[in-house]
C-alpha atoms as a PDB file:
ATOM      1  CA  UNK A   1      21.847 -10.802  17.492  1.00  0.00           C
ATOM      2  CA  UNK A   2      22.946  -9.373  20.846  1.00  0.00           C
ATOM      3  CA  UNK A   3      25.876  -7.192  21.832  1.00  0.00           C
ATOM      4  CA  UNK A   4      27.081  -5.832  25.144  1.00  0.00           C
ATOM      5  CA  UNK A   5      27.674  -2.118  25.445  1.00  0.00           C
ATOM      6  CA  UNK A   6      27.912  -1.223  21.755  1.00  0.00           C
ATOM      7  CA  UNK A   7      26.313  -1.815  18.408  1.00  0.00           C
ATOM      8  CA  UNK A   8      27.765  -4.320  15.945  1.00  0.00           C
ATOM      9  CA  UNK A   9      30.125  -2.564  13.562  1.00  0.00           C
ATOM     10  CA  UNK A  10      28.452  -3.998  10.453  1.00  0.00           C
ATOM     11  CA  UNK A  11      25.321  -2.003  11.270  1.00  0.00           C
ATOM     12  CA  UNK A  12      26.930   1.399  10.925  1.00  0.00           C
ATOM     13  CA  UNK A  13      27.483   4.101  13.484  1.00  0.00           C
ATOM     14  CA  UNK A  14      25.703   4.205  16.801  1.00  0.00           C
ATOM     15  CA  UNK A  15      22.539   6.328  16.616  1.00  0.00           C
ATOM     16  CA  UNK A  16      20.933   8.571  19.169  1.00  0.00           C
ATOM     17  CA  UNK A  17      19.002   6.197  21.417  1.00  0.00           C
ATOM     18  CA  UNK A  18      16.946   8.869  23.134  1.00  0.00           C
ATOM     19  CA  UNK A  19      13.532  10.039  21.964  1.00  0.00           C
ATOM     20  CA  UNK A  20      14.288  11.122  18.427  1.00  0.00           C
ATOM     21  CA  UNK A  21      13.652  14.276  16.501  1.00  0.00           C
ATOM     22  CA  UNK A  22      11.244  14.736  13.591  1.00  0.00           C
ATOM     23  CA  UNK A  23      13.726  13.105  11.193  1.00  0.00           C
ATOM     24  CA  UNK A  24      13.152   9.545  12.369  1.00  0.00           C
ATOM     25  CA  UNK A  25       9.387   9.840  11.979  1.00  0.00           C
ATOM     26  CA  UNK A  26       9.734  11.356   8.503  1.00  0.00           C
ATOM     27  CA  UNK A  27      11.898   8.384   7.468  1.00  0.00           C
ATOM     28  CA  UNK A  28       9.281   5.939   8.696  1.00  0.00           C
ATOM     29  CA  UNK A  29      11.337   4.993  11.751  1.00  0.00           C
ATOM     30  CA  UNK A  30       9.759   6.700  14.768  1.00  0.00           C
ATOM     31  CA  UNK A  31      12.198   6.893  17.673  1.00  0.00           C
ATOM     32  CA  UNK A  32      10.683   5.264  20.760  1.00  0.00           C
ATOM     33  CA  UNK A  33      12.462   5.256  24.154  1.00  0.00           C
ATOM     34  CA  UNK A  34      14.035   1.882  24.840  1.00  0.00           C
ATOM     35  CA  UNK A  35      14.581   1.158  21.147  1.00  0.00           C
ATOM     36  CA  UNK A  36      17.242   2.158  18.617  1.00  0.00           C
ATOM     37  CA  UNK A  37      17.439   2.023  14.844  1.00  0.00           C
ATOM     38  CA  UNK A  38      20.457   0.859  12.879  1.00  0.00           C
ATOM     39  CA  UNK A  39      20.909   0.226   9.171  1.00  0.00           C
ATOM     40  CA  UNK A  40      20.301  -3.480   9.695  1.00  0.00           C
ATOM     41  CA  UNK A  41      17.186  -3.157  11.812  1.00  0.00           C
ATOM     42  CA  UNK A  42      15.459  -2.282  15.061  1.00  0.00           C
ATOM     43  CA  UNK A  43      17.127  -2.989  18.409  1.00  0.00           C
ATOM     44  CA  UNK A  44      15.678  -3.314  21.880  1.00  0.00           C
ATOM     45  CA  UNK A  45      17.833  -1.625  24.493  1.00  0.00           C
ATOM     46  CA  UNK A  46      18.244  -3.458  27.764  1.00  0.00           C
ATOM     47  CA  UNK A  47      19.605  -0.844  30.142  1.00  0.00           C
ATOM     48  CA  UNK A  48      22.521  -1.558  32.437  1.00  0.00           C
ATOM     49  CA  UNK A  49      21.657  -2.803  35.918  1.00  0.00           C
ATOM     50  CA  UNK A  50      23.588  -3.563  39.078  1.00  0.00           C
ATOM     51  CA  UNK A  51      24.341  -6.988  37.630  1.00  0.00           C
ATOM     52  CA  UNK A  52      25.425  -5.703  34.205  1.00  0.00           C
ATOM     53  CA  UNK A  53      28.045  -3.059  33.509  1.00  0.00           C
ATOM     54  CA  UNK A  54      26.646  -1.794  30.218  1.00  0.00           C
ATOM     55  CA  UNK A  55      23.541  -1.634  28.047  1.00  0.00           C
ATOM     56  CA  UNK A  56      22.624  -4.549  25.804  1.00  0.00           C
ATOM     57  CA  UNK A  57      21.314  -4.046  22.277  1.00  0.00           C
ATOM     58  CA  UNK A  58      19.184  -6.903  20.961  1.00  0.00           C
ATOM     59  CA  UNK A  59      18.056  -7.096  17.333  1.00  0.00           C
ATOM     60  CA  UNK A  60      14.299  -7.702  17.246  1.00  0.00           C
ATOM     61  CA  UNK A  61      13.495  -7.026  13.560  1.00  0.00           C
ATOM     62  CA  UNK A  62      15.278  -6.322  10.276  1.00  0.00           C
ATOM     63  CA  UNK A  63      14.918  -2.926   8.657  1.00  0.00           C
ATOM     64  CA  UNK A  64      11.369  -1.756   7.906  1.00  0.00           C
ATOM     65  CA  UNK A  65       9.483   1.512   7.718  1.00  0.00           C
ATOM     66  CA  UNK A  66       6.144   2.780   8.939  1.00  0.00           C
ATOM     67  CA  UNK A  67       4.542   4.638   6.050  1.00  0.00           C
ATOM     68  CA  UNK A  68       1.464   5.943   7.816  1.00  0.00           C
ATOM     69  CA  UNK A  69      -1.828   5.146   9.484  1.00  0.00           C
ATOM     70  CA  UNK A  70      -4.692   3.801   7.382  1.00  0.00           C
ATOM     71  CA  UNK A  71      -8.428   4.145   7.894  1.00  0.00           C
ATOM     72  CA  UNK A  72     -11.594   4.302   5.814  1.00  0.00           C
ATOM     73  CA  UNK A  73     -13.442   7.477   4.859  1.00  0.00           C
ATOM     74  CA  UNK A  74     -15.730   7.102   7.880  1.00  0.00           C
ATOM     75  CA  UNK A  75     -12.849   6.521  10.308  1.00  0.00           C
ATOM     76  CA  UNK A  76     -13.156   2.734  10.588  1.00  0.00           C
ATOM     77  CA  UNK A  77     -10.544  -0.003  10.224  1.00  0.00           C
ATOM     78  CA  UNK A  78      -7.544   1.852  11.634  1.00  0.00           C
ATOM     79  CA  UNK A  79      -4.230   0.162  10.840  1.00  0.00           C
ATOM     80  CA  UNK A  80      -0.503   0.886  10.793  1.00  0.00           C
ATOM     81  CA  UNK A  81       1.164   0.435   7.389  1.00  0.00           C
ATOM     82  CA  UNK A  82       4.491  -1.448   7.469  1.00  0.00           C
ATOM     83  CA  UNK A  83       6.846  -1.750   4.460  1.00  0.00           C
ATOM     84  CA  UNK A  84      10.009  -3.846   4.081  1.00  0.00           C
ATOM     85  CA  UNK A  85      12.096  -5.914   1.673  1.00  0.00           C
ATOM     86  CA  UNK A  86      12.742  -9.646   1.819  1.00  0.00           C
ATOM     87  CA  UNK A  87      16.022 -11.454   1.128  1.00  0.00           C
ATOM     88  CA  UNK A  88      15.411 -11.255  -2.618  1.00  0.00           C
ATOM     89  CA  UNK A  89      14.853  -7.490  -2.415  1.00  0.00           C
ATOM     90  CA  UNK A  90      11.150  -7.873  -3.158  1.00  0.00           C
ATOM     91  CA  UNK A  91       9.094  -5.104  -1.597  1.00  0.00           C
ATOM     92  CA  UNK A  92       6.252  -5.981   0.768  1.00  0.00           C
ATOM     93  CA  UNK A  93       3.672  -4.018   2.686  1.00  0.00           C
ATOM     94  CA  UNK A  94       0.947  -4.913   5.122  1.00  0.00           C
ATOM     95  CA  UNK A  95      -1.564  -2.867   7.063  1.00  0.00           C
ATOM     96  CA  UNK A  96      -1.634  -4.136  10.647  1.00  0.00           C
ATOM     97  CA  UNK A  97      -5.031  -3.430  12.245  1.00  0.00           C
ATOM     98  CA  UNK A  98      -4.929  -1.738  15.618  1.00  0.00           C
ATOM     99  CA  UNK A  99      -7.116  -4.532  16.969  1.00  0.00           C
ATOM    100  CA  UNK A 100      -4.355  -7.062  16.162  1.00  0.00           C
ATOM    101  CA  UNK A 101      -1.827  -5.178  18.289  1.00  0.00           C
ATOM    102  CA  UNK A 102      -3.524  -6.427  21.426  1.00  0.00           C
ATOM    103  CA  UNK A 103      -3.081  -9.933  22.754  1.00  0.00           C
ATOM    104  CA  UNK A 104      -0.214 -12.128  21.574  1.00  0.00           C
ATOM    105  CA  UNK A 105      -0.029 -10.479  18.141  1.00  0.00           C
ATOM    106  CA  UNK A 106       0.010 -13.788  16.272  1.00  0.00           C
ATOM    107  CA  UNK A 107      -1.832 -12.295  13.283  1.00  0.00           C
ATOM    108  CA  UNK A 108       0.747  -9.519  13.103  1.00  0.00           C
ATOM    109  CA  UNK A 109       3.698 -11.907  13.046  1.00  0.00           C
ATOM    110  CA  UNK A 110       1.981 -14.184  10.522  1.00  0.00           C
ATOM    111  CA  UNK A 111       1.592 -11.264   8.095  1.00  0.00           C
ATOM    112  CA  UNK A 112       5.207 -10.157   8.511  1.00  0.00           C
ATOM    113  CA  UNK A 113       6.665 -13.658   8.251  1.00  0.00           C
ATOM    114  CA  UNK A 114       4.581 -14.384   5.142  1.00  0.00           C
ATOM    115  CA  UNK A 115       6.409 -11.488   3.480  1.00  0.00           C
ATOM    116  CA  UNK A 116       9.828 -12.853   4.386  1.00  0.00           C
ATOM    117  CA  UNK A 117      10.580 -10.759   7.469  1.00  0.00           C
ATOM    118  CA  UNK A 118      12.924 -12.580   9.848  1.00  0.00           C
ATOM    119  CA  UNK A 119      11.473 -12.525  13.348  1.00  0.00           C
ATOM    120  CA  UNK A 120      13.114 -13.611  16.611  1.00  0.00           C
ATOM    121  CA  UNK A 121      12.017 -17.015  17.960  1.00  0.00           C
ATOM    122  CA  UNK A 122      11.836 -15.718  21.524  1.00  0.00           C
ATOM    123  CA  UNK A 123       8.306 -14.679  22.484  1.00  0.00           C
ATOM    124  CA  UNK A 124       9.665 -11.918  24.732  1.00  0.00           C
ATOM    125  CA  UNK A 125      11.426 -10.248  21.779  1.00  0.00           C
ATOM    126  CA  UNK A 126       8.338 -10.538  19.593  1.00  0.00           C
ATOM    127  CA  UNK A 127       6.386  -8.823  22.358  1.00  0.00           C
ATOM    128  CA  UNK A 128       9.015  -6.079  22.345  1.00  0.00           C
ATOM    129  CA  UNK A 129       8.372  -5.600  18.619  1.00  0.00           C
ATOM    130  CA  UNK A 130       4.633  -5.513  19.233  1.00  0.00           C
ATOM    131  CA  UNK A 131       5.153  -2.916  21.942  1.00  0.00           C
ATOM    132  CA  UNK A 132       7.205  -0.821  19.514  1.00  0.00           C
ATOM    133  CA  UNK A 133       4.334  -0.789  17.009  1.00  0.00           C
ATOM    134  CA  UNK A 134       1.908   0.297  19.731  1.00  0.00           C
ATOM    135  CA  UNK A 135       4.123   3.178  20.844  1.00  0.00           C
ATOM    136  CA  UNK A 136       5.303   4.195  17.377  1.00  0.00           C
ATOM    137  CA  UNK A 137       1.794   4.630  15.979  1.00  0.00           C
ATOM    138  CA  UNK A 138       1.308   7.520  18.391  1.00  0.00           C
ATOM    139  CA  UNK A 139       4.142   9.353  16.623  1.00  0.00           C
ATOM    140  CA  UNK A 140       3.047   8.741  13.025  1.00  0.00           C
ATOM    141  CA  UNK A 141       1.447  11.772  11.374  1.00  0.00           C
ATOM    142  CA  UNK A 142       0.786  10.637   7.797  1.00  0.00           C
ATOM    143  CA  UNK A 143      -2.737   9.325   7.266  1.00  0.00           C
ATOM    144  CA  UNK A 144      -3.689   7.106   4.338  1.00  0.00           C
ATOM    145  CA  UNK A 145      -7.194   6.598   3.004  1.00  0.00           C
ATOM    146  CA  UNK A 146      -8.054   2.904   2.903  1.00  0.00           C
ATOM    147  CA  UNK A 147     -10.506   1.985   0.116  1.00  0.00           C
ATOM    148  CA  UNK A 148     -12.115  -1.291  -0.968  1.00  0.00           C
ATOM    149  CA  UNK A 149     -12.734  -0.337  -4.588  1.00  0.00           C
ATOM    150  CA  UNK A 150     -10.481   0.479  -7.497  1.00  0.00           C
ATOM    151  CA  UNK A 151     -10.759   3.484  -9.774  1.00  0.00           C
ATOM    152  CA  UNK A 152     -11.001   7.164  -8.868  1.00  0.00           C
ATOM    153  CA  UNK A 153     -10.265   8.260  -5.315  1.00  0.00           C
ATOM    154  CA  UNK A 154      -9.222  11.723  -4.144  1.00  0.00           C
ATOM    155  CA  UNK A 155      -8.512  12.879  -7.688  1.00  0.00           C
ATOM    156  CA  UNK A 156      -6.299   9.939  -8.723  1.00  0.00           C
ATOM    157  CA  UNK A 157      -6.888   6.522 -10.294  1.00  0.00           C
ATOM    158  CA  UNK A 158      -6.068   3.467  -8.187  1.00  0.00           C
ATOM    159  CA  UNK A 159      -4.917   0.259  -9.910  1.00  0.00           C
ATOM    160  CA  UNK A 160      -5.204  -3.308  -8.485  1.00  0.00           C
ATOM    161  CA  UNK A 161      -1.563  -3.743  -7.459  1.00  0.00           C
ATOM    162  CA  UNK A 162      -1.464  -0.439  -5.597  1.00  0.00           C
ATOM    163  CA  UNK A 163      -0.185   1.836  -8.349  1.00  0.00           C
ATOM    164  CA  UNK A 164      -1.713   5.297  -8.405  1.00  0.00           C
ATOM    165  CA  UNK A 165      -2.136   7.347 -11.587  1.00  0.00           C
ATOM    166  CA  UNK A 166      -2.197  11.054 -10.879  1.00  0.00           C
ATOM    167  CA  UNK A 167      -1.662  13.018  -7.687  1.00  0.00           C
ATOM    168  CA  UNK A 168      -4.325  12.325  -5.060  1.00  0.00           C
ATOM    169  CA  UNK A 169      -5.208  15.011  -2.556  1.00  0.00           C
ATOM    170  CA  UNK A 170      -4.586  12.369   0.135  1.00  0.00           C
ATOM    171  CA  UNK A 171      -2.538   9.178   0.103  1.00  0.00           C
ATOM    172  CA  UNK A 172      -4.730   6.237  -0.926  1.00  0.00           C
ATOM    173  CA  UNK A 173      -4.279   2.487  -0.437  1.00  0.00           C
ATOM    174  CA  UNK A 174      -6.346  -0.373  -1.842  1.00  0.00           C
ATOM    175  CA  UNK A 175      -7.340  -2.621   1.052  1.00  0.00           C
ATOM    176  CA  UNK A 176      -9.503  -5.045  -0.924  1.00  0.00           C
ATOM    177  CA  UNK A 177      -8.510  -8.486  -2.160  1.00  0.00           C
ATOM    178  CA  UNK A 178      -6.221  -7.913  -5.149  1.00  0.00           C
ATOM    179  CA  UNK A 179      -6.362 -11.623  -6.052  1.00  0.00           C
ATOM    180  CA  UNK A 180      -9.982 -11.087  -7.154  1.00  0.00           C
ATOM    181  CA  UNK A 181      -8.924  -8.380  -9.604  1.00  0.00           C
ATOM    182  CA  UNK A 182      -7.422  -9.725 -12.783  1.00  0.00           C
ATOM    183  CA  UNK A 183      -6.303  -6.399 -14.253  1.00  0.00           C
ATOM    184  CA  UNK A 184      -2.524  -6.182 -14.534  1.00  0.00           C
ATOM    185  CA  UNK A 185      -0.058  -3.891 -16.245  1.00  0.00           C
ATOM    186  CA  UNK A 186       1.432  -5.410 -19.387  1.00  0.00           C
ATOM    187  CA  UNK A 187       3.145  -4.135 -22.506  1.00  0.00           C
ATOM    188  CA  UNK A 188       3.699  -0.532 -23.526  1.00  0.00           C
ATOM    189  CA  UNK A 189       1.653   2.301 -25.003  1.00  0.00           C
ATOM    190  CA  UNK A 190       3.603   2.058 -28.256  1.00  0.00           C
ATOM    191  CA  UNK A 191       2.963  -1.673 -28.453  1.00  0.00           C
ATOM    192  CA  UNK A 192      -0.766  -1.155 -27.931  1.00  0.00           C
ATOM    193  CA  UNK A 193      -0.836   1.533 -30.628  1.00  0.00           C
ATOM    194  CA  UNK A 194       1.003  -0.651 -33.146  1.00  0.00           C
ATOM    195  CA  UNK A 195      -0.640  -4.007 -32.414  1.00  0.00           C
ATOM    196  CA  UNK A 196      -4.179  -3.025 -31.436  1.00  0.00           C
ATOM    197  CA  UNK A 197      -5.244   0.581 -31.988  1.00  0.00           C
ATOM    198  CA  UNK A 198      -4.109   0.934 -35.589  1.00  0.00           C
ATOM    199  CA  UNK A 199      -6.628  -1.691 -36.744  1.00  0.00           C
ATOM    200  CA  UNK A 200      -9.475   0.549 -35.605  1.00  0.00           C
ATOM    201  CA  UNK A 201      -8.591   3.207 -38.173  1.00  0.00           C
ATOM    202  CA  UNK A 202     -11.454   3.385 -40.690  1.00  0.00           C
ATOM    203  CA  UNK A 203     -13.450   0.723 -38.823  1.00  0.00           C
ATOM    204  CA  UNK A 204     -16.077   2.421 -36.623  1.00  0.00           C
ATOM    205  CA  UNK A 205     -17.223  -0.850 -35.048  1.00  0.00           C
ATOM    206  CA  UNK A 206     -13.753  -1.849 -33.961  1.00  0.00           C
ATOM    207  CA  UNK A 207     -12.875   1.708 -32.958  1.00  0.00           C
ATOM    208  CA  UNK A 208     -15.967   1.851 -30.769  1.00  0.00           C
ATOM    209  CA  UNK A 209     -15.128  -1.516 -29.182  1.00  0.00           C
ATOM    210  CA  UNK A 210     -11.620  -0.302 -28.369  1.00  0.00           C
ATOM    211  CA  UNK A 211     -13.054   2.795 -26.698  1.00  0.00           C
ATOM    212  CA  UNK A 212     -15.474   0.918 -24.444  1.00  0.00           C
ATOM    213  CA  UNK A 213     -12.847  -0.135 -21.811  1.00  0.00           C
ATOM    214  CA  UNK A 214     -11.818   3.508 -21.441  1.00  0.00           C
ATOM    215  CA  UNK A 215     -15.385   4.715 -20.872  1.00  0.00           C
ATOM    216  CA  UNK A 216     -15.879   3.574 -17.275  1.00  0.00           C
ATOM    217  CA  UNK A 217     -12.787   5.331 -15.836  1.00  0.00           C
ATOM    218  CA  UNK A 218     -13.601   8.542 -17.715  1.00  0.00           C
ATOM    219  CA  UNK A 219     -17.310   8.737 -16.845  1.00  0.00           C
ATOM    220  CA  UNK A 220     -16.432   9.577 -13.239  1.00  0.00           C
ATOM    221  CA  UNK A 221     -14.808  12.811 -14.399  1.00  0.00           C
ATOM    222  CA  UNK A 222     -18.080  13.883 -16.048  1.00  0.00           C
ATOM    223  CA  UNK A 223     -20.279  12.866 -13.089  1.00  0.00           C
ATOM    224  CA  UNK A 224     -22.051  10.432 -15.419  1.00  0.00           C
ATOM    225  CA  UNK A 225     -23.333   7.056 -14.287  1.00  0.00           C
ATOM    226  CA  UNK A 226     -23.047   5.735 -17.859  1.00  0.00           C
ATOM    227  CA  UNK A 227     -26.655   4.584 -18.113  1.00  0.00           C
ATOM    228  CA  UNK A 228     -27.337   5.866 -21.628  1.00  0.00           C
ATOM    229  CA  UNK A 229     -23.907   6.906 -22.777  1.00  0.00           C
ATOM    230  CA  UNK A 230     -23.160   3.813 -24.844  1.00  0.00           C
ATOM    231  CA  UNK A 231     -26.510   3.988 -26.642  1.00  0.00           C
ATOM    232  CA  UNK A 232     -26.011   7.645 -27.406  1.00  0.00           C
ATOM    233  CA  UNK A 233     -22.514   6.932 -28.719  1.00  0.00           C
ATOM    234  CA  UNK A 234     -23.796   4.197 -31.012  1.00  0.00           C
ATOM    235  CA  UNK A 235     -26.612   6.349 -32.331  1.00  0.00           C
ATOM    236  CA  UNK A 236     -24.239   9.230 -32.963  1.00  0.00           C
ATOM    237  CA  UNK A 237     -21.447   7.250 -34.616  1.00  0.00           C
ATOM    238  CA  UNK A 238     -23.076   4.271 -36.348  1.00  0.00           C
ATOM    239  CA  UNK A 239     -25.653   4.720 -39.095  1.00  0.00           C
ATOM    240  CA  UNK A 240     -28.454   2.178 -38.614  1.00  0.00           C
ATOM    241  CA  UNK A 241     -31.711   2.076 -40.654  1.00  0.00           C
ATOM    242  CA  UNK A 242     -34.697   3.364 -38.666  1.00  0.00           C
ATOM    243  CA  UNK A 243     -36.575   0.005 -38.346  1.00  0.00           C
ATOM    244  CA  UNK A 244     -33.449  -1.781 -37.090  1.00  0.00           C
ATOM    245  CA  UNK A 245     -32.612   1.129 -34.796  1.00  0.00           C
ATOM    246  CA  UNK A 246     -36.055   0.970 -33.193  1.00  0.00           C
ATOM    247  CA  UNK A 247     -35.710  -2.758 -32.704  1.00  0.00           C
ATOM    248  CA  UNK A 248     -32.184  -2.441 -31.236  1.00  0.00           C
ATOM    249  CA  UNK A 249     -33.040   0.321 -28.796  1.00  0.00           C
ATOM    250  CA  UNK A 250     -36.522  -0.809 -27.822  1.00  0.00           C
ATOM    251  CA  UNK A 251     -38.285   1.858 -29.849  1.00  0.00           C
ATOM    252  CA  UNK A 252     -36.001   4.795 -28.924  1.00  0.00           C
END
């Protein structure tokens, strides 16, 4: 989409096209000279010349936000986190490595297009978008810890699909391959209580089995590696004759 001298009316009111204040950065839309944000996306400003009477505003990407900069605990793997919605209003996010911002940016555009972002066919406009990312990352203040493992990080519990339970001391993002993790949210707490947990009442074996999946996440809080915890729990809760107990625990 291209207009001469003014923004298209369907995109709202004309914004400030100069270097923006703190507000744009806080909203995930850093204001970079030569670019302007509208409700419908990011525009490249082609300034008026001797041959043209007015500025031209060219749409180079639909609406998206920059949530922060990601890196590992040791400061490796720096990336810029982009979030947007596709035509079906599904939310997408991708962490674009700094190393992919150099060159033609083909890996960057592949990741965005795979999530349904409409990109201009002209290579010059795609380069303008790439240049925006390069300049905008200098203005982003929020830093996100990138981790390759699930579980406890910075005082909160990280789930496979990116959900975080608790309030971490720093924003955390799972950068591993979620397709290799088969844990998913399903059902409700009440449903689990009625259809699963109630059958453990009065049955120590079943009750213990139901508790096992909760052990690993909780051991971290007690600084316990879990090496002998299960054996100790069995010995404390289940009465086993001494000869069988010795056989089961290797003579413990």
